[in-house]
Amino acid sequence: VKETQKVLDYIGEARRRGLSVIFITHNLYHVYPVSD
């Protein structure tokens, strides 16, 4: 759980730096909070 939150934070940091991200997953609870 802790490491997952870190990875989700890195995705947010990538967006803040101007990058786009495609996040492929089976876990809706992981993808939902960070997706536009």
Full PDB file with SEQRES, HELIX, SHEET, SSBOND, CRYST1, ORIGX, SCALE, CONECT and MASTER records, all heavy atoms in Angstrom:
SEQRES   1 A   36  VAL LYS GLU THR GLN LYS VAL LEU ASP TYR ILE GLY GLU          
SEQRES   2 A   36  ALA ARG ARG ARG GLY LEU SER VAL ILE PHE ILE THR HIS          
SEQRES   3 A   36  ASN LEU TYR HIS VAL TYR PRO VAL SER ASP                      
HELIX    1 AA1 LYS A    2  ARG A   16  1                                  15    
HELIX    2 AA2 LEU A   28  VAL A   34  1                                   7    
CRYST1    1.000    1.000    1.000  90.00  90.00  90.00 P 1           1          
ORIGX1      1.000000  0.000000  0.000000        0.00000                         
ORIGX2      0.000000  1.000000  0.000000        0.00000                         
ORIGX3      0.000000  0.000000  1.000000        0.00000                         
SCALE1      1.000000  0.000000  0.000000        0.00000                         
SCALE2      0.000000  1.000000  0.000000        0.00000                         
SCALE3      0.000000  0.000000  1.000000        0.00000                         
ATOM      1  N   VAL A   1       0.836  -1.204   0.000  1.00  0.00           N  
ATOM      2  CA  VAL A   1       0.000   0.000   0.000  1.00  0.00           C  
ATOM      3  C   VAL A   1       0.872   1.256   0.000  1.00  0.00           C  
ATOM      4  O   VAL A   1       0.624   2.207  -0.754  1.00  0.00           O  
ATOM      5  CB  VAL A   1      -0.939  -0.003   1.219  1.00  0.00           C  
ATOM      6  CG1 VAL A   1      -1.689   1.328   1.330  1.00  0.00           C  
ATOM      7  CG2 VAL A   1      -1.926  -1.160   1.126  1.00  0.00           C  
ATOM      8  N   LYS A   2       1.910   1.274   0.832  1.00  0.00           N  
ATOM      9  CA  LYS A   2       2.780   2.441   0.929  1.00  0.00           C  
ATOM     10  C   LYS A   2       3.531   2.675  -0.380  1.00  0.00           C  
ATOM     11  O   LYS A   2       3.640   3.817  -0.857  1.00  0.00           O  
ATOM     12  CB  LYS A   2       3.759   2.256   2.080  1.00  0.00           C  
ATOM     13  CG  LYS A   2       4.639   3.464   2.355  1.00  0.00           C  
ATOM     14  CD  LYS A   2       5.499   3.239   3.582  1.00  0.00           C  
ATOM     15  CE  LYS A   2       6.379   4.445   3.880  1.00  0.00           C  
ATOM     16  NZ  LYS A   2       7.223   4.220   5.086  1.00  0.00           N  
ATOM     17  N   GLU A   3       4.062   1.610  -0.976  1.00  0.00           N  
ATOM     18  CA  GLU A   3       4.798   1.763  -2.221  1.00  0.00           C  
ATOM     19  C   GLU A   3       3.876   2.166  -3.370  1.00  0.00           C  
ATOM     20  O   GLU A   3       4.262   2.942  -4.245  1.00  0.00           O  
ATOM     21  CB  GLU A   3       5.525   0.463  -2.560  1.00  0.00           C  
ATOM     22  CG  GLU A   3       6.707   0.181  -1.652  1.00  0.00           C  
ATOM     23  CD  GLU A   3       7.535  -0.973  -2.160  1.00  0.00           C  
ATOM     24  OE1 GLU A   3       6.941  -1.968  -2.630  1.00  0.00           O  
ATOM     25  OE2 GLU A   3       8.773  -0.883  -2.086  1.00  0.00           O  
ATOM     26  N   THR A   4       2.653   1.641  -3.358  1.00  0.00           N  
ATOM     27  CA  THR A   4       1.685   2.034  -4.376  1.00  0.00           C  
ATOM     28  C   THR A   4       1.429   3.532  -4.328  1.00  0.00           C  
ATOM     29  O   THR A   4       1.415   4.211  -5.368  1.00  0.00           O  
ATOM     30  CB  THR A   4       0.363   1.271  -4.175  1.00  0.00           C  
ATOM     31  OG1 THR A   4       0.587  -0.116  -4.460  1.00  0.00           O  
ATOM     32  CG2 THR A   4      -0.723   1.802  -5.092  1.00  0.00           C  
ATOM     33  N   GLN A   5       1.258   4.073  -3.129  1.00  0.00           N  
ATOM     34  CA  GLN A   5       1.002   5.513  -3.005  1.00  0.00           C  
ATOM     35  C   GLN A   5       2.181   6.317  -3.525  1.00  0.00           C  
ATOM     36  O   GLN A   5       1.999   7.368  -4.168  1.00  0.00           O  
ATOM     37  CB  GLN A   5       0.721   5.882  -1.551  1.00  0.00           C  
ATOM     38  CG  GLN A   5       0.303   7.338  -1.371  1.00  0.00           C  
ATOM     39  CD  GLN A   5      -0.886   7.716  -2.226  1.00  0.00           C  
ATOM     40  OE1 GLN A   5      -1.927   7.075  -2.171  1.00  0.00           O  
ATOM     41  NE2 GLN A   5      -0.738   8.761  -3.041  1.00  0.00           N  
ATOM     42  N   LYS A   6       3.395   5.838  -3.285  1.00  0.00           N  
ATOM     43  CA  LYS A   6       4.573   6.524  -3.812  1.00  0.00           C  
ATOM     44  C   LYS A   6       4.549   6.570  -5.340  1.00  0.00           C  
ATOM     45  O   LYS A   6       4.819   7.610  -5.953  1.00  0.00           O  
ATOM     46  CB  LYS A   6       5.852   5.830  -3.329  1.00  0.00           C  
ATOM     47  CG  LYS A   6       6.281   6.220  -1.930  1.00  0.00           C  
ATOM     48  CD  LYS A   6       6.844   7.630  -1.920  1.00  0.00           C  
ATOM     49  CE  LYS A   6       7.512   7.970  -0.599  1.00  0.00           C  
ATOM     50  NZ  LYS A   6       7.994   9.382  -0.591  1.00  0.00           N  
ATOM     51  N   VAL A   7       4.233   5.433  -5.965  1.00  0.00           N  
ATOM     52  CA  VAL A   7       4.190   5.393  -7.430  1.00  0.00           C  
ATOM     53  C   VAL A   7       3.112   6.336  -7.948  1.00  0.00           C  
ATOM     54  O   VAL A   7       3.309   7.051  -8.944  1.00  0.00           O  
ATOM     55  CB  VAL A   7       3.957   3.953  -7.923  1.00  0.00           C  
ATOM     56  CG1 VAL A   7       3.676   3.930  -9.427  1.00  0.00           C  
ATOM     57  CG2 VAL A   7       5.188   3.093  -7.622  1.00  0.00           C  
ATOM     58  N   LEU A   8       1.961   6.385  -7.273  1.00  0.00           N  
ATOM     59  CA  LEU A   8       0.912   7.325  -7.682  1.00  0.00           C  
ATOM     60  C   LEU A   8       1.393   8.768  -7.544  1.00  0.00           C  
ATOM     61  O   LEU A   8       1.064   9.624  -8.370  1.00  0.00           O  
ATOM     62  CB  LEU A   8      -0.355   7.088  -6.863  1.00  0.00           C  
ATOM     63  CG  LEU A   8      -0.980   5.693  -6.974  1.00  0.00           C  
ATOM     64  CD1 LEU A   8      -2.269   5.617  -6.164  1.00  0.00           C  
ATOM     65  CD2 LEU A   8      -1.230   5.297  -8.417  1.00  0.00           C  
ATOM     66  N   ASP A   9       2.200   9.029  -6.516  1.00  0.00           N  
ATOM     67  CA  ASP A   9       2.783  10.370  -6.357  1.00  0.00           C  
ATOM     68  C   ASP A   9       3.726  10.693  -7.521  1.00  0.00           C  
ATOM     69  O   ASP A   9       3.765  11.835  -8.005  1.00  0.00           O  
ATOM     70  CB  ASP A   9       3.543  10.475  -5.040  1.00  0.00           C  
ATOM     71  CG  ASP A   9       2.635  10.455  -3.822  1.00  0.00           C  
ATOM     72  OD1 ASP A   9       1.416  10.684  -3.977  1.00  0.00           O  
ATOM     73  OD2 ASP A   9       3.146  10.185  -2.712  1.00  0.00           O  
ATOM     74  N   TYR A  10       4.504   9.700  -7.982  1.00  0.00           N  
ATOM     75  CA  TYR A  10       5.419   9.937  -9.098  1.00  0.00           C  
ATOM     76  C   TYR A  10       4.636  10.272 -10.363  1.00  0.00           C  
ATOM     77  O   TYR A  10       5.086  11.093 -11.189  1.00  0.00           O  
ATOM     78  CB  TYR A  10       6.304   8.712  -9.367  1.00  0.00           C  
ATOM     79  CG  TYR A  10       7.068   8.209  -8.187  1.00  0.00           C  
ATOM     80  CD1 TYR A  10       7.355   6.849  -8.041  1.00  0.00           C  
ATOM     81  CD2 TYR A  10       7.513   9.070  -7.186  1.00  0.00           C  
ATOM     82  CE1 TYR A  10       8.051   6.377  -6.955  1.00  0.00           C  
ATOM     83  CE2 TYR A  10       8.212   8.596  -6.091  1.00  0.00           C  
ATOM     84  CZ  TYR A  10       8.470   7.241  -5.983  1.00  0.00           C  
ATOM     85  OH  TYR A  10       9.153   6.768  -4.892  1.00  0.00           O  
ATOM     86  N   ILE A  11       3.474   9.649 -10.537  1.00  0.00           N  
ATOM     87  CA  ILE A  11       2.643   9.952 -11.703  1.00  0.00           C  
ATOM     88  C   ILE A  11       2.184  11.410 -11.650  1.00  0.00           C  
ATOM     89  O   ILE A  11       2.212  12.130 -12.645  1.00  0.00           O  
ATOM     90  CB  ILE A  11       1.448   8.983 -11.769  1.00  0.00           C  
ATOM     91  CG1 ILE A  11       1.955   7.563 -12.055  1.00  0.00           C  
ATOM     92  CG2 ILE A  11       0.449   9.427 -12.834  1.00  0.00           C  
ATOM     93  CD1 ILE A  11       0.883   6.495 -11.939  1.00  0.00           C  
ATOM     94  N   GLY A  12       1.780  11.851 -10.460  1.00  0.00           N  
ATOM     95  CA  GLY A  12       1.406  13.254 -10.310  1.00  0.00           C  
ATOM     96  C   GLY A  12       2.565  14.188 -10.586  1.00  0.00           C  
ATOM     97  O   GLY A  12       2.393  15.252 -11.200  1.00  0.00           O  
ATOM     98  N   GLU A  13       3.754  13.802 -10.159  1.00  0.00           N  
ATOM     99  CA  GLU A  13       4.938  14.625 -10.403  1.00  0.00           C  
ATOM    100  C   GLU A  13       5.249  14.699 -11.896  1.00  0.00           C  
ATOM    101  O   GLU A  13       5.639  15.755 -12.415  1.00  0.00           O  
ATOM    102  CB  GLU A  13       6.137  14.052  -9.650  1.00  0.00           C  
ATOM    103  CG  GLU A  13       7.446  14.810  -9.847  1.00  0.00           C  
ATOM    104  CD  GLU A  13       7.396  16.245  -9.344  1.00  0.00           C  
ATOM    105  OE1 GLU A  13       6.563  16.554  -8.458  1.00  0.00           O  
ATOM    106  OE2 GLU A  13       8.191  17.064  -9.836  1.00  0.00           O  
ATOM    107  N   ALA A  14       5.059  13.590 -12.612  1.00  0.00           N  
ATOM    108  CA  ALA A  14       5.277  13.601 -14.063  1.00  0.00           C  
ATOM    109  C   ALA A  14       4.339  14.595 -14.741  1.00  0.00           C  
ATOM    110  O   ALA A  14       4.746  15.371 -15.604  1.00  0.00           O  
ATOM    111  CB  ALA A  14       5.076  12.200 -14.637  1.00  0.00           C  
ATOM    112  N   ARG A  15       3.069  14.614 -14.324  1.00  0.00           N  
ATOM    113  CA  ARG A  15       2.120  15.563 -14.895  1.00  0.00           C  
ATOM    114  C   ARG A  15       2.539  16.994 -14.580  1.00  0.00           C  
ATOM    115  O   ARG A  15       2.483  17.873 -15.437  1.00  0.00           O  
ATOM    116  CB  ARG A  15       0.718  15.301 -14.372  1.00  0.00           C  
ATOM    117  CG  ARG A  15      -0.330  16.198 -15.026  1.00  0.00           C  
ATOM    118  CD  ARG A  15      -1.500  16.482 -14.129  1.00  0.00           C  
ATOM    119  NE  ARG A  15      -2.448  15.417 -14.081  1.00  0.00           N  
ATOM    120  CZ  ARG A  15      -2.774  14.768 -12.962  1.00  0.00           C  
ATOM    121  NH1 ARG A  15      -2.176  15.060 -11.825  1.00  0.00           N  
ATOM    122  NH2 ARG A  15      -3.690  13.836 -12.968  1.00  0.00           N  
ATOM    123  N   ARG A  16       2.967  17.235 -13.332  1.00  0.00           N  
ATOM    124  CA  ARG A  16       3.383  18.592 -12.955  1.00  0.00           C  
ATOM    125  C   ARG A  16       4.573  19.062 -13.775  1.00  0.00           C  
ATOM    126  O   ARG A  16       4.743  20.262 -14.008  1.00  0.00           O  
ATOM    127  CB  ARG A  16       3.717  18.645 -11.456  1.00  0.00           C  
ATOM    128  CG  ARG A  16       2.489  18.651 -10.555  1.00  0.00           C  
ATOM    129  CD  ARG A  16       2.849  18.917  -9.116  1.00  0.00           C  
ATOM    130  NE  ARG A  16       3.577  17.815  -8.510  1.00  0.00           N  
ATOM    131  CZ  ARG A  16       2.995  16.754  -7.951  1.00  0.00           C  
ATOM    132  NH1 ARG A  16       1.675  16.655  -7.929  1.00  0.00           N  
ATOM    133  NH2 ARG A  16       3.723  15.801  -7.409  1.00  0.00           N  
ATOM    134  N   ARG A  17       5.401  18.132 -14.210  1.00  0.00           N  
ATOM    135  CA  ARG A  17       6.559  18.483 -15.032  1.00  0.00           C  
ATOM    136  C   ARG A  17       6.201  18.638 -16.509  1.00  0.00           C  
ATOM    137  O   ARG A  17       7.079  18.831 -17.339  1.00  0.00           O  
ATOM    138  CB  ARG A  17       7.645  17.424 -14.870  1.00  0.00           C  
ATOM    139  CG  ARG A  17       8.335  17.474 -13.523  1.00  0.00           C  
ATOM    140  CD  ARG A  17       9.215  16.242 -13.311  1.00  0.00           C  
ATOM    141  NE  ARG A  17       9.989  16.375 -12.092  1.00  0.00           N  
ATOM    142  CZ  ARG A  17      11.278  16.681 -12.051  1.00  0.00           C  
ATOM    143  NH1 ARG A  17      11.931  16.897 -13.175  1.00  0.00           N  
ATOM    144  NH2 ARG A  17      11.921  16.772 -10.913  1.00  0.00           N  
ATOM    145  N   GLY A  18       4.921  18.507 -16.847  1.00  0.00           N  
ATOM    146  CA  GLY A  18       4.484  18.737 -18.212  1.00  0.00           C  
ATOM    147  C   GLY A  18       4.371  17.497 -19.060  1.00  0.00           C  
ATOM    148  O   GLY A  18       4.126  17.589 -20.269  1.00  0.00           O  
ATOM    149  N   LEU A  19       4.532  16.311 -18.467  1.00  0.00           N  
ATOM    150  CA  LEU A  19       4.439  15.076 -19.221  1.00  0.00           C  
ATOM    151  C   LEU A  19       3.008  14.565 -19.234  1.00  0.00           C  
ATOM    152  O   LEU A  19       2.189  14.912 -18.383  1.00  0.00           O  
ATOM    153  CB  LEU A  19       5.353  14.004 -18.616  1.00  0.00           C  
ATOM    154  CG  LEU A  19       6.834  14.074 -18.965  1.00  0.00           C  
ATOM    155  CD1 LEU A  19       7.496  15.302 -18.380  1.00  0.00           C  
ATOM    156  CD2 LEU A  19       7.557  12.820 -18.450  1.00  0.00           C  
ATOM    157  N   SER A  20       2.706  13.718 -20.205  1.00  0.00           N  
ATOM    158  CA  SER A  20       1.443  12.988 -20.263  1.00  0.00           C  
ATOM    159  C   SER A  20       1.709  11.543 -19.869  1.00  0.00           C  
ATOM    160  O   SER A  20       2.828  11.034 -20.045  1.00  0.00           O  
ATOM    161  CB  SER A  20       0.839  13.052 -21.663  1.00  0.00           C  
ATOM    162  OG  SER A  20       0.608  14.400 -22.037  1.00  0.00           O  
ATOM    163  N   VAL A  21       0.677  10.883 -19.344  1.00  0.00           N  
ATOM    164  CA  VAL A  21       0.832   9.515 -18.845  1.00  0.00           C  
ATOM    165  C   VAL A  21      -0.370   8.681 -19.271  1.00  0.00           C  
ATOM    166  O   VAL A  21      -1.519   9.139 -19.175  1.00  0.00           O  
ATOM    167  CB  VAL A  21       0.945   9.485 -17.300  1.00  0.00           C  
ATOM    168  CG1 VAL A  21       1.067   8.043 -16.799  1.00  0.00           C  
ATOM    169  CG2 VAL A  21       2.117  10.317 -16.812  1.00  0.00           C  
ATOM    170  N   ILE A  22      -0.106   7.474 -19.757  1.00  0.00           N  
ATOM    171  CA  ILE A  22      -1.140   6.451 -19.913  1.00  0.00           C  
ATOM    172  C   ILE A  22      -0.869   5.395 -18.847  1.00  0.00           C  
ATOM    173  O   ILE A  22       0.212   4.819 -18.793  1.00  0.00           O  
ATOM    174  CB  ILE A  22      -1.122   5.811 -21.315  1.00  0.00           C  
ATOM    175  CG1 ILE A  22      -1.354   6.867 -22.401  1.00  0.00           C  
ATOM    176  CG2 ILE A  22      -2.182   4.713 -21.413  1.00  0.00           C  
ATOM    177  CD1 ILE A  22      -1.186   6.321 -23.821  1.00  0.00           C  
ATOM    178  N   PHE A  23      -1.832   5.165 -18.000  1.00  0.00           N  
ATOM    179  CA  PHE A  23      -1.703   4.278 -16.841  1.00  0.00           C  
ATOM    180  C   PHE A  23      -2.599   3.064 -17.091  1.00  0.00           C  
ATOM    181  O   PHE A  23      -3.823   3.149 -17.034  1.00  0.00           O  
ATOM    182  CB  PHE A  23      -2.143   5.054 -15.596  1.00  0.00           C  
ATOM    183  CG  PHE A  23      -2.060   4.333 -14.277  1.00  0.00           C  
ATOM    184  CD1 PHE A  23      -2.344   5.022 -13.107  1.00  0.00           C  
ATOM    185  CD2 PHE A  23      -1.703   3.007 -14.173  1.00  0.00           C  
ATOM    186  CE1 PHE A  23      -2.278   4.399 -11.869  1.00  0.00           C  
ATOM    187  CE2 PHE A  23      -1.635   2.359 -12.950  1.00  0.00           C  
ATOM    188  CZ  PHE A  23      -1.932   3.059 -11.798  1.00  0.00           C  
ATOM    189  N   ILE A  24      -1.969   1.918 -17.392  1.00  0.00           N  
ATOM    190  CA  ILE A  24      -2.698   0.684 -17.673  1.00  0.00           C  
ATOM    191  C   ILE A  24      -2.751  -0.146 -16.389  1.00  0.00           C  
ATOM    192  O   ILE A  24      -1.712  -0.397 -15.765  1.00  0.00           O  
ATOM    193  CB  ILE A  24      -1.986  -0.135 -18.767  1.00  0.00           C  
ATOM    194  CG1 ILE A  24      -1.689   0.729 -19.979  1.00  0.00           C  
ATOM    195  CG2 ILE A  24      -2.804  -1.356 -19.156  1.00  0.00           C  
ATOM    196  CD1 ILE A  24      -0.562   0.212 -20.812  1.00  0.00           C  
ATOM    197  N   THR A  25      -3.944  -0.581 -16.020  1.00  0.00           N  
ATOM    198  CA  THR A  25      -4.047  -1.344 -14.778  1.00  0.00           C  
ATOM    199  C   THR A  25      -5.359  -2.101 -14.731  1.00  0.00           C  
ATOM    200  O   THR A  25      -6.320  -1.784 -15.442  1.00  0.00           O  
ATOM    201  CB  THR A  25      -3.948  -0.407 -13.554  1.00  0.00           C  
ATOM    202  OG1 THR A  25      -3.949  -1.182 -12.351  1.00  0.00           O  
ATOM    203  CG2 THR A  25      -5.117   0.561 -13.505  1.00  0.00           C  
ATOM    204  N   HIS A  26      -5.383  -3.135 -13.865  1.00  0.00           N  
ATOM    205  CA  HIS A  26      -6.628  -3.816 -13.521  1.00  0.00           C  
ATOM    206  C   HIS A  26      -7.245  -3.201 -12.269  1.00  0.00           C  
ATOM    207  O   HIS A  26      -8.402  -3.480 -11.950  1.00  0.00           O  
ATOM    208  CB  HIS A  26      -6.361  -5.299 -13.246  1.00  0.00           C  
ATOM    209  CG  HIS A  26      -6.040  -6.098 -14.465  1.00  0.00           C  
ATOM    210  ND1 HIS A  26      -4.774  -6.192 -14.986  1.00  0.00           N  
ATOM    211  CD2 HIS A  26      -6.833  -6.833 -15.277  1.00  0.00           C  
ATOM    212  CE1 HIS A  26      -4.800  -6.968 -16.057  1.00  0.00           C  
ATOM    213  NE2 HIS A  26      -6.037  -7.372 -16.256  1.00  0.00           N  
ATOM    214  N   ASN A  27      -6.475  -2.399 -11.548  1.00  0.00           N  
ATOM    215  CA  ASN A  27      -6.909  -1.924 -10.239  1.00  0.00           C  
ATOM    216  C   ASN A  27      -7.525  -0.530 -10.351  1.00  0.00           C  
ATOM    217  O   ASN A  27      -6.829   0.472 -10.438  1.00  0.00           O  
ATOM    218  CB  ASN A  27      -5.729  -1.905  -9.261  1.00  0.00           C  
ATOM    219  CG  ASN A  27      -6.194  -1.761  -7.825  1.00  0.00           C  
ATOM    220  OD1 ASN A  27      -7.056  -0.948  -7.523  1.00  0.00           O  
ATOM    221  ND2 ASN A  27      -5.616  -2.552  -6.932  1.00  0.00           N  
ATOM    222  N   LEU A  28      -8.839  -0.490 -10.341  1.00  0.00           N  
ATOM    223  CA  LEU A  28      -9.530   0.794 -10.487  1.00  0.00           C  
ATOM    224  C   LEU A  28      -9.268   1.722  -9.318  1.00  0.00           C  
ATOM    225  O   LEU A  28      -9.268   2.950  -9.468  1.00  0.00           O  
ATOM    226  CB  LEU A  28     -11.030   0.554 -10.628  1.00  0.00           C  
ATOM    227  CG  LEU A  28     -11.466  -0.229 -11.869  1.00  0.00           C  
ATOM    228  CD1 LEU A  28     -12.965  -0.500 -11.823  1.00  0.00           C  
ATOM    229  CD2 LEU A  28     -11.091   0.511 -13.145  1.00  0.00           C  
ATOM    230  N   TYR A  29      -9.026   1.158  -8.128  1.00  0.00           N  
ATOM    231  CA  TYR A  29      -8.798   1.988  -6.948  1.00  0.00           C  
ATOM    232  C   TYR A  29      -7.433   2.681  -7.000  1.00  0.00           C  
ATOM    233  O   TYR A  29      -7.219   3.670  -6.310  1.00  0.00           O  
ATOM    234  CB  TYR A  29      -8.928   1.151  -5.675  1.00  0.00           C  
ATOM    235  CG  TYR A  29     -10.346   0.699  -5.446  1.00  0.00           C  
ATOM    236  CD1 TYR A  29     -10.788  -0.517  -5.955  1.00  0.00           C  
ATOM    237  CD2 TYR A  29     -11.255   1.503  -4.773  1.00  0.00           C  
ATOM    238  CE1 TYR A  29     -12.098  -0.922  -5.773  1.00  0.00           C  
ATOM    239  CE2 TYR A  29     -12.567   1.102  -4.584  1.00  0.00           C  
ATOM    240  CZ  TYR A  29     -12.990  -0.110  -5.089  1.00  0.00           C  
ATOM    241  OH  TYR A  29     -14.289  -0.511  -4.919  1.00  0.00           O  
ATOM    242  N   HIS A  30      -6.523   2.170  -7.814  1.00  0.00           N  
ATOM    243  CA  HIS A  30      -5.236   2.827  -8.001  1.00  0.00           C  
ATOM    244  C   HIS A  30      -5.319   3.894  -9.093  1.00  0.00           C  
ATOM    245  O   HIS A  30      -4.786   4.994  -8.940  1.00  0.00           O  
ATOM    246  CB  HIS A  30      -4.159   1.802  -8.377  1.00  0.00           C  
ATOM    247  CG  HIS A  30      -3.822   0.864  -7.270  1.00  0.00           C  
ATOM    248  ND1 HIS A  30      -2.980  -0.232  -7.434  1.00  0.00           N  
ATOM    249  CD2 HIS A  30      -4.208   0.834  -5.966  1.00  0.00           C  
ATOM    250  CE1 HIS A  30      -2.881  -0.883  -6.285  1.00  0.00           C  
ATOM    251  NE2 HIS A  30      -3.611  -0.250  -5.384  1.00  0.00           N  
ATOM    252  N   VAL A  31      -5.969   3.572 -10.195  1.00  0.00           N  
ATOM    253  CA  VAL A  31      -5.962   4.478 -11.342  1.00  0.00           C  
ATOM    254  C   VAL A  31      -6.917   5.657 -11.145  1.00  0.00           C  
ATOM    255  O   VAL A  31      -6.653   6.766 -11.637  1.00  0.00           O  
ATOM    256  CB  VAL A  31      -6.305   3.707 -12.641  1.00  0.00           C  
ATOM    257  CG1 VAL A  31      -7.770   3.307 -12.698  1.00  0.00           C  
ATOM    258  CG2 VAL A  31      -5.912   4.503 -13.875  1.00  0.00           C  
ATOM    259  N   TYR A  32      -8.003   5.439 -10.436  1.00  0.00           N  
ATOM    260  CA  TYR A  32      -9.053   6.463 -10.351  1.00  0.00           C  
ATOM    261  C   TYR A  32      -8.557   7.782  -9.741  1.00  0.00           C  
ATOM    262  O   TYR A  32      -8.807   8.852 -10.307  1.00  0.00           O  
ATOM    263  CB  TYR A  32     -10.240   5.913  -9.568  1.00  0.00           C  
ATOM    264  CG  TYR A  32     -11.459   6.810  -9.576  1.00  0.00           C  
ATOM    265  CD1 TYR A  32     -12.368   6.765 -10.629  1.00  0.00           C  
ATOM    266  CD2 TYR A  32     -11.696   7.697  -8.538  1.00  0.00           C  
ATOM    267  CE1 TYR A  32     -13.489   7.589 -10.646  1.00  0.00           C  
ATOM    268  CE2 TYR A  32     -12.812   8.523  -8.544  1.00  0.00           C  
ATOM    269  CZ  TYR A  32     -13.696   8.469  -9.594  1.00  0.00           C  
ATOM    270  OH  TYR A  32     -14.799   9.289  -9.611  1.00  0.00           O  
ATOM    271  N   PRO A  33      -7.843   7.782  -8.602  1.00  0.00           N  
ATOM    272  CA  PRO A  33      -7.492   9.066  -7.979  1.00  0.00           C  
ATOM    273  C   PRO A  33      -6.542   9.938  -8.794  1.00  0.00           C  
ATOM    274  O   PRO A  33      -6.547  11.157  -8.636  1.00  0.00           O  
ATOM    275  CB  PRO A  33      -6.839   8.650  -6.649  1.00  0.00           C  
ATOM    276  CG  PRO A  33      -7.263   7.250  -6.414  1.00  0.00           C  
ATOM    277  CD  PRO A  33      -7.418   6.644  -7.765  1.00  0.00           C  
ATOM    278  N   VAL A  34      -5.706   9.326  -9.643  1.00  0.00           N  
ATOM    279  CA  VAL A  34      -4.664  10.104 -10.330  1.00  0.00           C  
ATOM    280  C   VAL A  34      -5.006  10.418 -11.778  1.00  0.00           C  
ATOM    281  O   VAL A  34      -4.271  11.160 -12.439  1.00  0.00           O  
ATOM    282  CB  VAL A  34      -3.300   9.375 -10.277  1.00  0.00           C  
ATOM    283  CG1 VAL A  34      -2.830   9.232  -8.849  1.00  0.00           C  
ATOM    284  CG2 VAL A  34      -3.368   8.021 -10.971  1.00  0.00           C  
ATOM    285  N   SER A  35      -6.106   9.876 -12.298  1.00  0.00           N  
ATOM    286  CA  SER A  35      -6.422  10.038 -13.717  1.00  0.00           C  
ATOM    287  C   SER A  35      -7.264  11.283 -13.960  1.00  0.00           C  
ATOM    288  O   SER A  35      -8.142  11.617 -13.169  1.00  0.00           O  
ATOM    289  CB  SER A  35      -7.168   8.807 -14.248  1.00  0.00           C  
ATOM    290  OG  SER A  35      -6.342   7.666 -14.227  1.00  0.00           O  
ATOM    291  N   ASP A  36      -7.002  11.958 -15.066  1.00  0.00           N  
ATOM    292  CA  ASP A  36      -7.882  13.017 -15.543  1.00  0.00           C  
ATOM    293  C   ASP A  36      -9.055  12.417 -16.323  1.00  0.00           C  
ATOM    294  O   ASP A  36     -10.163  12.957 -16.302  1.00  0.00           O  
ATOM    295  CB  ASP A  36      -7.115  13.971 -16.454  1.00  0.00           C  
ATOM    296  CG  ASP A  36      -5.959  14.637 -15.733  1.00  0.00           C  
ATOM    297  OD1 ASP A  36      -6.204  15.340 -14.741  1.00  0.00           O  
ATOM    298  OD2 ASP A  36      -4.804  14.432 -16.156  1.00  0.00           O  
TER     299      ASP A  36                                                      
MASTER        0    0    0    2    0    0    0    6  298    1    0    3          
END                                                                             
